[in-house]
Amino acid sequence: MATPTIRISKTTHELLHTLASQDNTSMQAIVEQAIEHYRRQRFLEGLSADFTNLRENNESWHDELQERQQWDIALGDGEKA
C-alpha cells in the first residue's frame, strides 16, 4: 500500500518529533490526533454558528423550543420533571 506524504517545515517536524518523544508514540499518531482534534473543533464551531443563526430567527427558535418540549414529554414517559 502506498503511503501519501506531505511537506512540513523543519520547525514543525522538530516539534512533531518532540511531541511524539514526550508521549512515547509515533509522529503519525500525533498528526492523526491533531487532525481529529481539529475536525471536532470545526464541527463544534459550525454547530455553534448554526444554533446562533437559529436563535436569531425568532420563528425558527420558537419552533425549536416547541419541539424540545414535545421531546421532553416523550422522553419522560409522560411525566413532567
C-alpha atoms as a PDB file:
ATOM      1  CA  MET A   1       0.000   0.000   0.000  1.00  0.00           C
ATOM      2  CA  ALA A   2       1.362   3.421  -0.928  1.00  0.00           C
ATOM      3  CA  THR A   3       1.827   5.945   1.869  1.00  0.00           C
ATOM      4  CA  PRO A   4       0.993   9.554   0.999  1.00  0.00           C
ATOM      5  CA  THR A   5       3.471  12.208   2.045  1.00  0.00           C
ATOM      6  CA  ILE A   6       3.067  15.853   2.961  1.00  0.00           C
ATOM      7  CA  ARG A   7       5.583  18.641   3.210  1.00  0.00           C
ATOM      8  CA  ILE A   8       6.067  20.357   6.550  1.00  0.00           C
ATOM      9  CA  SER A   9       8.604  22.868   7.718  1.00  0.00           C
ATOM     10  CA  LYS A  10      11.708  21.798   9.590  1.00  0.00           C
ATOM     11  CA  THR A  11      10.416  23.586  12.683  1.00  0.00           C
ATOM     12  CA  THR A  12       7.111  21.702  12.530  1.00  0.00           C
ATOM     13  CA  HIS A  13       8.944  18.412  12.030  1.00  0.00           C
ATOM     14  CA  GLU A  14      11.135  19.073  15.064  1.00  0.00           C
ATOM     15  CA  LEU A  15       8.093  19.952  17.157  1.00  0.00           C
ATOM     16  CA  LEU A  16       6.287  16.845  15.938  1.00  0.00           C
ATOM     17  CA  HIS A  17       9.306  14.723  16.826  1.00  0.00           C
ATOM     18  CA  THR A  18       9.493  16.297  20.295  1.00  0.00           C
ATOM     19  CA  LEU A  19       5.791  15.722  20.972  1.00  0.00           C
ATOM     20  CA  ALA A  20       5.996  12.128  19.816  1.00  0.00           C
ATOM     21  CA  SER A  21       9.025  11.520  22.046  1.00  0.00           C
ATOM     22  CA  GLN A  22       7.310  13.106  25.052  1.00  0.00           C
ATOM     23  CA  ASP A  23       4.203  10.974  24.537  1.00  0.00           C
ATOM     24  CA  ASN A  24       6.224   7.877  23.661  1.00  0.00           C
ATOM     25  CA  THR A  25       4.243   7.482  20.445  1.00  0.00           C
ATOM     26  CA  SER A  26       4.771   7.870  16.726  1.00  0.00           C
ATOM     27  CA  MET A  27       4.767  11.125  14.813  1.00  0.00           C
ATOM     28  CA  GLN A  28       1.965   9.654  12.703  1.00  0.00           C
ATOM     29  CA  ALA A  29      -0.154   9.142  15.835  1.00  0.00           C
ATOM     30  CA  ILE A  30       0.424  12.770  16.872  1.00  0.00           C
ATOM     31  CA  VAL A  31      -0.626  14.019  13.426  1.00  0.00           C
ATOM     32  CA  GLU A  32      -3.728  11.794  13.453  1.00  0.00           C
ATOM     33  CA  GLN A  33      -4.714  13.038  16.919  1.00  0.00           C
ATOM     34  CA  ALA A  34      -4.176  16.651  15.887  1.00  0.00           C
ATOM     35  CA  ILE A  35      -6.302  16.245  12.770  1.00  0.00           C
ATOM     36  CA  GLU A  36      -9.093  14.554  14.732  1.00  0.00           C
ATOM     37  CA  HIS A  37      -8.993  17.343  17.312  1.00  0.00           C
ATOM     38  CA  TYR A  38      -9.155  19.935  14.531  1.00  0.00           C
ATOM     39  CA  ARG A  39     -12.069  18.110  12.839  1.00  0.00           C
ATOM     40  CA  ARG A  40     -14.047  18.031  16.091  1.00  0.00           C
ATOM     41  CA  GLN A  41     -13.285  21.686  16.807  1.00  0.00           C
ATOM     42  CA  ARG A  42     -14.537  22.712  13.355  1.00  0.00           C
ATOM     43  CA  PHE A  43     -17.675  20.592  13.811  1.00  0.00           C
ATOM     44  CA  LEU A  44     -18.474  22.225  17.155  1.00  0.00           C
ATOM     45  CA  GLU A  45     -17.775  25.707  15.792  1.00  0.00           C
ATOM     46  CA  GLY A  46     -20.164  25.007  12.899  1.00  0.00           C
ATOM     47  CA  LEU A  47     -22.787  23.679  15.280  1.00  0.00           C
ATOM     48  CA  SER A  48     -22.442  26.760  17.456  1.00  0.00           C
ATOM     49  CA  ALA A  49     -22.834  29.023  14.417  1.00  0.00           C
ATOM     50  CA  ASP A  50     -25.919  27.072  13.323  1.00  0.00           C
ATOM     51  CA  PHE A  51     -27.547  27.483  16.747  1.00  0.00           C
ATOM     52  CA  THR A  52     -26.644  31.180  16.781  1.00  0.00           C
ATOM     53  CA  ASN A  53     -28.388  31.593  13.438  1.00  0.00           C
ATOM     54  CA  LEU A  54     -31.362  29.595  14.685  1.00  0.00           C
ATOM     55  CA  ARG A  55     -31.694  31.780  17.801  1.00  0.00           C
ATOM     56  CA  GLU A  56     -31.566  34.924  15.669  1.00  0.00           C
ATOM     57  CA  ASN A  57     -34.619  33.781  13.710  1.00  0.00           C
ATOM     58  CA  ASN A  58     -37.482  34.193  16.188  1.00  0.00           C
ATOM     59  CA  GLU A  59     -39.934  31.958  14.340  1.00  0.00           C
ATOM     60  CA  SER A  60     -37.438  29.121  13.893  1.00  0.00           C
ATOM     61  CA  TRP A  61     -36.251  29.418  17.506  1.00  0.00           C
ATOM     62  CA  HIS A  62     -39.855  29.279  18.743  1.00  0.00           C
ATOM     63  CA  ASP A  63     -40.411  26.122  16.657  1.00  0.00           C
ATOM     64  CA  GLU A  64     -37.224  24.619  18.131  1.00  0.00           C
ATOM     65  CA  LEU A  65     -38.373  25.291  21.695  1.00  0.00           C
ATOM     66  CA  GLN A  66     -41.785  23.783  20.995  1.00  0.00           C
ATOM     67  CA  GLU A  67     -40.196  20.656  19.565  1.00  0.00           C
ATOM     68  CA  ARG A  68     -37.937  20.367  22.615  1.00  0.00           C
ATOM     69  CA  GLN A  69     -40.992  20.500  24.875  1.00  0.00           C
ATOM     70  CA  GLN A  70     -42.601  17.679  22.906  1.00  0.00           C
ATOM     71  CA  TRP A  71     -39.455  15.569  23.221  1.00  0.00           C
ATOM     72  CA  ASP A  72     -39.202  16.329  26.947  1.00  0.00           C
ATOM     73  CA  ILE A  73     -42.669  14.916  27.456  1.00  0.00           C
ATOM     74  CA  ALA A  74     -41.948  11.854  25.317  1.00  0.00           C
ATOM     75  CA  LEU A  75     -38.621  11.158  26.988  1.00  0.00           C
ATOM     76  CA  GLY A  76     -40.136  11.455  30.443  1.00  0.00           C
ATOM     77  CA  ASP A  77     -42.770   8.869  29.604  1.00  0.00           C
ATOM     78  CA  GLY A  78     -45.457  11.493  30.039  1.00  0.00           C
ATOM     79  CA  GLU A  79     -44.267  12.657  33.455  1.00  0.00           C
ATOM     80  CA  LYS A  80     -43.158  16.233  33.956  1.00  0.00           C
ATOM     81  CA  ALA A  81     -39.915  16.863  35.774  1.00  0.00           C
END
